[in-house]
């Protein structure tokens, strides 16, 4: 049984994305990621970190006395067995738990009580070929699919996938502009013009704290 994880940071902030945006949330950032997306904003979590016991991580999270907790990375499911065990222990502690994961990792072992925020990689991410499409059939109504849009090409690709896979019939779908690469107003205009059944979002934490680690 996995009893420890490599952790980059545990911190208390506001949720910057997803349907719980703006709510006080504890973030557990796991170390490591097999992907190298062009727009990655957490490269500092690729290496380093410190090993901590699952019990220690759960106690840190509970110490903030906040209901919502998000397990993120890097790519948290790169530490598959440990991450899945942590998610279950956080759920058992009575917390509202979500995981931010790429579309490249198998989510079949994630506790069904967890809300999965699945980031499907677009062409301009540089990692589109890593998408594991079998994950789509595993999504629950309480999960979310996120597309980070870098260009009009990305937007058209995401729009096609939205229709092809009937994604909005499975769960909420989020379209987010790549920070400082695509103007938020431009993406908003495209969504309104096409009347897409998606939720537009910007990354609140970058607006508030300019992408400072631990915020």
C-alpha atoms as a PDB file:
ATOM      1  CA  UNK A   1       0.000   0.000   0.000  1.00  0.00           C
ATOM      2  CA  UNK A   2       1.283   3.462  -0.915  1.00  0.00           C
ATOM      3  CA  UNK A   3       1.776   5.499   2.260  1.00  0.00           C
ATOM      4  CA  UNK A   4       3.542   8.608   0.963  1.00  0.00           C
ATOM      5  CA  UNK A   5       3.563  11.092  -1.897  1.00  0.00           C
ATOM      6  CA  UNK A   6       6.026  13.624  -3.285  1.00  0.00           C
ATOM      7  CA  UNK A   7       4.444  17.015  -2.581  1.00  0.00           C
ATOM      8  CA  UNK A   8       5.456  20.401  -4.035  1.00  0.00           C
ATOM      9  CA  UNK A   9       3.161  22.524  -1.865  1.00  0.00           C
ATOM     10  CA  UNK A  10      -0.015  22.610   0.196  1.00  0.00           C
ATOM     11  CA  UNK A  11      -1.661  26.034   0.390  1.00  0.00           C
ATOM     12  CA  UNK A  12      -4.920  27.862   1.050  1.00  0.00           C
ATOM     13  CA  UNK A  13      -6.303  30.239  -1.570  1.00  0.00           C
ATOM     14  CA  UNK A  14      -9.345  30.946  -3.732  1.00  0.00           C
ATOM     15  CA  UNK A  15     -10.298  28.495  -6.440  1.00  0.00           C
ATOM     16  CA  UNK A  16      -9.314  30.225  -9.675  1.00  0.00           C
ATOM     17  CA  UNK A  17     -11.162  27.968 -12.129  1.00  0.00           C
ATOM     18  CA  UNK A  18     -14.049  25.502 -12.528  1.00  0.00           C
ATOM     19  CA  UNK A  19     -17.595  25.678 -11.167  1.00  0.00           C
ATOM     20  CA  UNK A  20     -16.298  26.418  -7.648  1.00  0.00           C
ATOM     21  CA  UNK A  21     -14.370  29.504  -8.783  1.00  0.00           C
ATOM     22  CA  UNK A  22     -13.964  32.074  -6.033  1.00  0.00           C
ATOM     23  CA  UNK A  23     -14.502  29.655  -3.127  1.00  0.00           C
ATOM     24  CA  UNK A  24     -11.803  29.278  -0.445  1.00  0.00           C
ATOM     25  CA  UNK A  25      -9.962  26.062  -1.303  1.00  0.00           C
ATOM     26  CA  UNK A  26      -6.970  24.081  -0.088  1.00  0.00           C
ATOM     27  CA  UNK A  27      -4.639  23.029  -2.905  1.00  0.00           C
ATOM     28  CA  UNK A  28      -2.407  19.972  -2.714  1.00  0.00           C
ATOM     29  CA  UNK A  29       0.145  20.209  -5.531  1.00  0.00           C
ATOM     30  CA  UNK A  30       1.825  16.897  -6.311  1.00  0.00           C
ATOM     31  CA  UNK A  31       5.274  16.801  -7.905  1.00  0.00           C
ATOM     32  CA  UNK A  32       5.937  15.471 -11.397  1.00  0.00           C
ATOM     33  CA  UNK A  33       4.366  15.569 -14.856  1.00  0.00           C
ATOM     34  CA  UNK A  34       5.054  13.538 -18.026  1.00  0.00           C
ATOM     35  CA  UNK A  35       3.632  16.272 -20.295  1.00  0.00           C
ATOM     36  CA  UNK A  36       5.295  19.470 -21.489  1.00  0.00           C
ATOM     37  CA  UNK A  37       2.491  21.751 -22.654  1.00  0.00           C
ATOM     38  CA  UNK A  38       3.674  24.959 -24.312  1.00  0.00           C
ATOM     39  CA  UNK A  39       1.642  27.136 -21.937  1.00  0.00           C
ATOM     40  CA  UNK A  40       2.476  25.299 -18.704  1.00  0.00           C
ATOM     41  CA  UNK A  41       2.449  27.599 -15.665  1.00  0.00           C
ATOM     42  CA  UNK A  42       3.568  25.067 -13.042  1.00  0.00           C
ATOM     43  CA  UNK A  43       6.920  23.857 -14.375  1.00  0.00           C
ATOM     44  CA  UNK A  44       8.318  24.367 -10.874  1.00  0.00           C
ATOM     45  CA  UNK A  45       6.329  21.261  -9.885  1.00  0.00           C
ATOM     46  CA  UNK A  46       8.034  18.989 -12.429  1.00  0.00           C
ATOM     47  CA  UNK A  47      10.826  18.068 -10.017  1.00  0.00           C
ATOM     48  CA  UNK A  48      11.799  18.464  -6.397  1.00  0.00           C
ATOM     49  CA  UNK A  49       9.171  18.407  -3.730  1.00  0.00           C
ATOM     50  CA  UNK A  50       9.302  16.485  -0.485  1.00  0.00           C
ATOM     51  CA  UNK A  51       7.931  13.093   0.467  1.00  0.00           C
ATOM     52  CA  UNK A  52       5.074  13.264   2.940  1.00  0.00           C
ATOM     53  CA  UNK A  53       2.836  10.594   4.416  1.00  0.00           C
ATOM     54  CA  UNK A  54      -0.797  10.499   3.344  1.00  0.00           C
ATOM     55  CA  UNK A  55      -1.766  11.074   6.972  1.00  0.00           C
ATOM     56  CA  UNK A  56       0.392  14.207   7.151  1.00  0.00           C
ATOM     57  CA  UNK A  57      -1.117  15.662   3.971  1.00  0.00           C
ATOM     58  CA  UNK A  58      -4.683  15.019   5.131  1.00  0.00           C
ATOM     59  CA  UNK A  59      -3.969  16.614   8.515  1.00  0.00           C
ATOM     60  CA  UNK A  60      -2.491  19.698   6.815  1.00  0.00           C
ATOM     61  CA  UNK A  61      -5.578  20.035   4.655  1.00  0.00           C
ATOM     62  CA  UNK A  62      -7.961  19.650   7.602  1.00  0.00           C
ATOM     63  CA  UNK A  63      -5.956  22.253   9.527  1.00  0.00           C
ATOM     64  CA  UNK A  64      -7.148  25.000   7.167  1.00  0.00           C
ATOM     65  CA  UNK A  65     -10.766  24.263   8.171  1.00  0.00           C
ATOM     66  CA  UNK A  66     -11.949  24.724   4.587  1.00  0.00           C
ATOM     67  CA  UNK A  67     -14.505  22.434   2.950  1.00  0.00           C
ATOM     68  CA  UNK A  68     -13.092  22.427  -0.579  1.00  0.00           C
ATOM     69  CA  UNK A  69      -9.807  20.774  -1.536  1.00  0.00           C
ATOM     70  CA  UNK A  70      -8.237  20.392  -4.988  1.00  0.00           C
ATOM     71  CA  UNK A  71      -5.476  17.924  -5.801  1.00  0.00           C
ATOM     72  CA  UNK A  72      -3.395  19.259  -8.678  1.00  0.00           C
ATOM     73  CA  UNK A  73       0.107  19.271 -10.164  1.00  0.00           C
ATOM     74  CA  UNK A  74       2.109  18.997 -12.308  1.00  0.00           C
ATOM     75  CA  UNK A  75       0.056  15.974 -13.123  1.00  0.00           C
ATOM     76  CA  UNK A  76      -1.244  14.433  -9.897  1.00  0.00           C
ATOM     77  CA  UNK A  77      -2.074  11.073 -11.486  1.00  0.00           C
ATOM     78  CA  UNK A  78       1.581  10.654 -12.460  1.00  0.00           C
ATOM     79  CA  UNK A  79       1.768   9.352  -8.855  1.00  0.00           C
ATOM     80  CA  UNK A  80      -1.225   7.164  -9.625  1.00  0.00           C
ATOM     81  CA  UNK A  81      -1.591   4.822  -6.647  1.00  0.00           C
ATOM     82  CA  UNK A  82      -0.656   7.430  -4.062  1.00  0.00           C
ATOM     83  CA  UNK A  83      -2.863  10.097  -5.617  1.00  0.00           C
ATOM     84  CA  UNK A  84      -5.874   7.799  -5.756  1.00  0.00           C
ATOM     85  CA  UNK A  85      -5.341   6.813  -2.105  1.00  0.00           C
ATOM     86  CA  UNK A  86      -5.074  10.478  -1.086  1.00  0.00           C
ATOM     87  CA  UNK A  87      -8.283  11.366  -2.900  1.00  0.00           C
ATOM     88  CA  UNK A  88     -10.157   8.602  -1.086  1.00  0.00           C
ATOM     89  CA  UNK A  89      -8.803   9.640   2.312  1.00  0.00           C
ATOM     90  CA  UNK A  90      -9.795  13.262   1.697  1.00  0.00           C
ATOM     91  CA  UNK A  91     -13.313  12.140   0.746  1.00  0.00           C
ATOM     92  CA  UNK A  92     -13.465   9.940   3.843  1.00  0.00           C
ATOM     93  CA  UNK A  93     -12.610  13.053   5.889  1.00  0.00           C
ATOM     94  CA  UNK A  94     -15.870  14.595   4.692  1.00  0.00           C
ATOM     95  CA  UNK A  95     -14.309  17.136   2.333  1.00  0.00           C
ATOM     96  CA  UNK A  96     -15.509  18.259  -1.102  1.00  0.00           C
ATOM     97  CA  UNK A  97     -12.694  16.976  -3.308  1.00  0.00           C
ATOM     98  CA  UNK A  98     -11.707  17.726  -6.901  1.00  0.00           C
ATOM     99  CA  UNK A  99      -8.727  16.758  -9.024  1.00  0.00           C
ATOM    100  CA  UNK A 100      -7.206  18.755 -11.879  1.00  0.00           C
ATOM    101  CA  UNK A 101      -5.749  16.286 -14.351  1.00  0.00           C
ATOM    102  CA  UNK A 102      -4.734  16.196 -17.994  1.00  0.00           C
ATOM    103  CA  UNK A 103      -6.599  14.195 -20.601  1.00  0.00           C
ATOM    104  CA  UNK A 104      -3.575  11.930 -20.858  1.00  0.00           C
ATOM    105  CA  UNK A 105      -3.995   9.998 -17.603  1.00  0.00           C
ATOM    106  CA  UNK A 106      -6.375   7.131 -16.855  1.00  0.00           C
ATOM    107  CA  UNK A 107      -9.088   8.298 -14.430  1.00  0.00           C
ATOM    108  CA  UNK A 108     -10.732   4.896 -13.936  1.00  0.00           C
ATOM    109  CA  UNK A 109      -9.257   4.492 -10.446  1.00  0.00           C
ATOM    110  CA  UNK A 110     -10.374   7.882  -9.114  1.00  0.00           C
ATOM    111  CA  UNK A 111     -12.864   7.687  -6.246  1.00  0.00           C
ATOM    112  CA  UNK A 112     -16.363   8.368  -7.682  1.00  0.00           C
ATOM    113  CA  UNK A 113     -16.968  10.970  -4.953  1.00  0.00           C
ATOM    114  CA  UNK A 114     -14.251  13.153  -6.501  1.00  0.00           C
ATOM    115  CA  UNK A 115     -15.078  15.818  -9.088  1.00  0.00           C
ATOM    116  CA  UNK A 116     -12.697  15.340 -12.008  1.00  0.00           C
ATOM    117  CA  UNK A 117     -11.644  18.442 -13.954  1.00  0.00           C
ATOM    118  CA  UNK A 118     -10.251  16.899 -17.139  1.00  0.00           C
ATOM    119  CA  UNK A 119      -8.014  19.122 -19.282  1.00  0.00           C
ATOM    120  CA  UNK A 120      -8.236  17.964 -22.901  1.00  0.00           C
ATOM    121  CA  UNK A 121      -5.116  19.047 -24.751  1.00  0.00           C
ATOM    122  CA  UNK A 122      -5.592  21.177 -27.865  1.00  0.00           C
ATOM    123  CA  UNK A 123      -3.323  21.226 -30.951  1.00  0.00           C
ATOM    124  CA  UNK A 124      -1.393  24.302 -29.800  1.00  0.00           C
ATOM    125  CA  UNK A 125      -0.667  22.751 -26.415  1.00  0.00           C
ATOM    126  CA  UNK A 126       1.870  20.501 -28.157  1.00  0.00           C
ATOM    127  CA  UNK A 127       0.437  17.457 -26.367  1.00  0.00           C
ATOM    128  CA  UNK A 128      -2.800  16.734 -28.250  1.00  0.00           C
ATOM    129  CA  UNK A 129      -1.643  13.231 -29.187  1.00  0.00           C
ATOM    130  CA  UNK A 130      -1.470  12.331 -25.482  1.00  0.00           C
ATOM    131  CA  UNK A 131      -5.240  12.617 -24.944  1.00  0.00           C
ATOM    132  CA  UNK A 132      -6.673   9.340 -23.638  1.00  0.00           C
ATOM    133  CA  UNK A 133     -10.089   9.346 -25.246  1.00  0.00           C
ATOM    134  CA  UNK A 134     -11.346   6.357 -23.250  1.00  0.00           C
ATOM    135  CA  UNK A 135     -11.619   8.762 -20.290  1.00  0.00           C
ATOM    136  CA  UNK A 136     -14.652  10.432 -21.854  1.00  0.00           C
ATOM    137  CA  UNK A 137     -16.913   7.454 -21.166  1.00  0.00           C
ATOM    138  CA  UNK A 138     -15.832   7.513 -17.504  1.00  0.00           C
ATOM    139  CA  UNK A 139     -16.963  11.087 -16.841  1.00  0.00           C
ATOM    140  CA  UNK A 140     -19.814  11.774 -14.412  1.00  0.00           C
ATOM    141  CA  UNK A 141     -22.307  14.667 -14.449  1.00  0.00           C
ATOM    142  CA  UNK A 142     -20.378  16.170 -11.509  1.00  0.00           C
ATOM    143  CA  UNK A 143     -17.139  16.272 -13.536  1.00  0.00           C
ATOM    144  CA  UNK A 144     -15.882  19.015 -15.860  1.00  0.00           C
ATOM    145  CA  UNK A 145     -13.974  19.146 -19.145  1.00  0.00           C
ATOM    146  CA  UNK A 146     -11.596  22.043 -19.741  1.00  0.00           C
ATOM    147  CA  UNK A 147     -10.085  23.288 -22.989  1.00  0.00           C
ATOM    148  CA  UNK A 148      -7.259  25.833 -22.799  1.00  0.00           C
ATOM    149  CA  UNK A 149      -7.622  27.757 -26.069  1.00  0.00           C
ATOM    150  CA  UNK A 150      -4.477  29.294 -27.597  1.00  0.00           C
ATOM    151  CA  UNK A 151      -5.710  30.286 -31.071  1.00  0.00           C
ATOM    152  CA  UNK A 152      -8.594  30.176 -33.543  1.00  0.00           C
ATOM    153  CA  UNK A 153      -7.308  26.764 -34.642  1.00  0.00           C
ATOM    154  CA  UNK A 154      -7.601  25.511 -31.071  1.00  0.00           C
ATOM    155  CA  UNK A 155     -11.083  26.980 -30.785  1.00  0.00           C
ATOM    156  CA  UNK A 156     -12.285  25.267 -33.969  1.00  0.00           C
ATOM    157  CA  UNK A 157     -10.772  21.947 -32.845  1.00  0.00           C
ATOM    158  CA  UNK A 158     -12.400  22.192 -29.414  1.00  0.00           C
ATOM    159  CA  UNK A 159     -15.709  23.160 -30.991  1.00  0.00           C
ATOM    160  CA  UNK A 160     -15.519  20.075 -33.224  1.00  0.00           C
ATOM    161  CA  UNK A 161     -14.754  17.782 -30.263  1.00  0.00           C
ATOM    162  CA  UNK A 162     -17.590  19.344 -28.278  1.00  0.00           C
ATOM    163  CA  UNK A 163     -20.026  18.390 -31.038  1.00  0.00           C
ATOM    164  CA  UNK A 164     -18.440  15.075 -32.075  1.00  0.00           C
ATOM    165  CA  UNK A 165     -18.356  13.648 -28.543  1.00  0.00           C
ATOM    166  CA  UNK A 166     -21.499  15.431 -27.252  1.00  0.00           C
ATOM    167  CA  UNK A 167     -19.382  16.607 -24.340  1.00  0.00           C
ATOM    168  CA  UNK A 168     -21.891  19.107 -22.923  1.00  0.00           C
ATOM    169  CA  UNK A 169     -24.357  16.228 -22.515  1.00  0.00           C
ATOM    170  CA  UNK A 170     -21.911  14.487 -20.177  1.00  0.00           C
ATOM    171  CA  UNK A 171     -20.847  17.323 -17.874  1.00  0.00           C
ATOM    172  CA  UNK A 172     -19.949  21.022 -17.784  1.00  0.00           C
ATOM    173  CA  UNK A 173     -17.480  22.138 -20.455  1.00  0.00           C
ATOM    174  CA  UNK A 174     -15.105  25.039 -19.851  1.00  0.00           C
ATOM    175  CA  UNK A 175     -13.304  27.134 -22.468  1.00  0.00           C
ATOM    176  CA  UNK A 176     -10.402  29.157 -21.081  1.00  0.00           C
ATOM    177  CA  UNK A 177      -8.062  31.502 -23.000  1.00  0.00           C
ATOM    178  CA  UNK A 178      -4.367  30.728 -22.689  1.00  0.00           C
ATOM    179  CA  UNK A 179      -2.971  33.425 -20.401  1.00  0.00           C
ATOM    180  CA  UNK A 180      -1.319  36.273 -22.352  1.00  0.00           C
ATOM    181  CA  UNK A 181      -1.604  34.250 -25.581  1.00  0.00           C
ATOM    182  CA  UNK A 182      -5.251  34.748 -26.542  1.00  0.00           C
ATOM    183  CA  UNK A 183      -7.243  37.808 -25.525  1.00  0.00           C
ATOM    184  CA  UNK A 184     -10.137  36.783 -23.254  1.00  0.00           C
ATOM    185  CA  UNK A 185     -12.502  39.102 -25.134  1.00  0.00           C
ATOM    186  CA  UNK A 186     -11.652  37.348 -28.401  1.00  0.00           C
ATOM    187  CA  UNK A 187     -12.556  33.919 -27.050  1.00  0.00           C
ATOM    188  CA  UNK A 188     -15.702  35.353 -25.474  1.00  0.00           C
ATOM    189  CA  UNK A 189     -16.758  36.834 -28.826  1.00  0.00           C
ATOM    190  CA  UNK A 190     -16.277  33.490 -30.594  1.00  0.00           C
ATOM    191  CA  UNK A 191     -18.357  31.644 -28.001  1.00  0.00           C
ATOM    192  CA  UNK A 192     -21.179  34.183 -28.159  1.00  0.00           C
ATOM    193  CA  UNK A 193     -21.165  34.273 -31.982  1.00  0.00           C
ATOM    194  CA  UNK A 194     -21.431  30.488 -32.180  1.00  0.00           C
ATOM    195  CA  UNK A 195     -23.779  30.222 -29.181  1.00  0.00           C
ATOM    196  CA  UNK A 196     -21.722  27.366 -27.768  1.00  0.00           C
ATOM    197  CA  UNK A 197     -23.088  25.464 -24.732  1.00  0.00           C
ATOM    198  CA  UNK A 198     -19.878  26.003 -22.762  1.00  0.00           C
ATOM    199  CA  UNK A 199     -18.787  28.056 -19.775  1.00  0.00           C
ATOM    200  CA  UNK A 200     -16.250  30.806 -20.523  1.00  0.00           C
ATOM    201  CA  UNK A 201     -13.702  31.279 -17.764  1.00  0.00           C
ATOM    202  CA  UNK A 202     -10.532  33.180 -17.030  1.00  0.00           C
ATOM    203  CA  UNK A 203      -8.009  32.172 -14.377  1.00  0.00           C
ATOM    204  CA  UNK A 204      -8.950  34.251 -11.350  1.00  0.00           C
ATOM    205  CA  UNK A 205      -5.715  33.581  -9.473  1.00  0.00           C
ATOM    206  CA  UNK A 206      -3.663  35.082 -12.308  1.00  0.00           C
ATOM    207  CA  UNK A 207      -5.750  38.242 -12.290  1.00  0.00           C
ATOM    208  CA  UNK A 208      -5.429  38.590  -8.524  1.00  0.00           C
ATOM    209  CA  UNK A 209      -1.856  37.431  -7.909  1.00  0.00           C
ATOM    210  CA  UNK A 210      -0.132  37.360 -11.318  1.00  0.00           C
ATOM    211  CA  UNK A 211       0.453  33.583 -11.194  1.00  0.00           C
ATOM    212  CA  UNK A 212       2.543  33.718  -8.006  1.00  0.00           C
ATOM    213  CA  UNK A 213       3.276  30.163  -6.704  1.00  0.00           C
ATOM    214  CA  UNK A 214       1.325  29.233  -3.612  1.00  0.00           C
ATOM    215  CA  UNK A 215      -1.540  31.637  -4.429  1.00  0.00           C
END
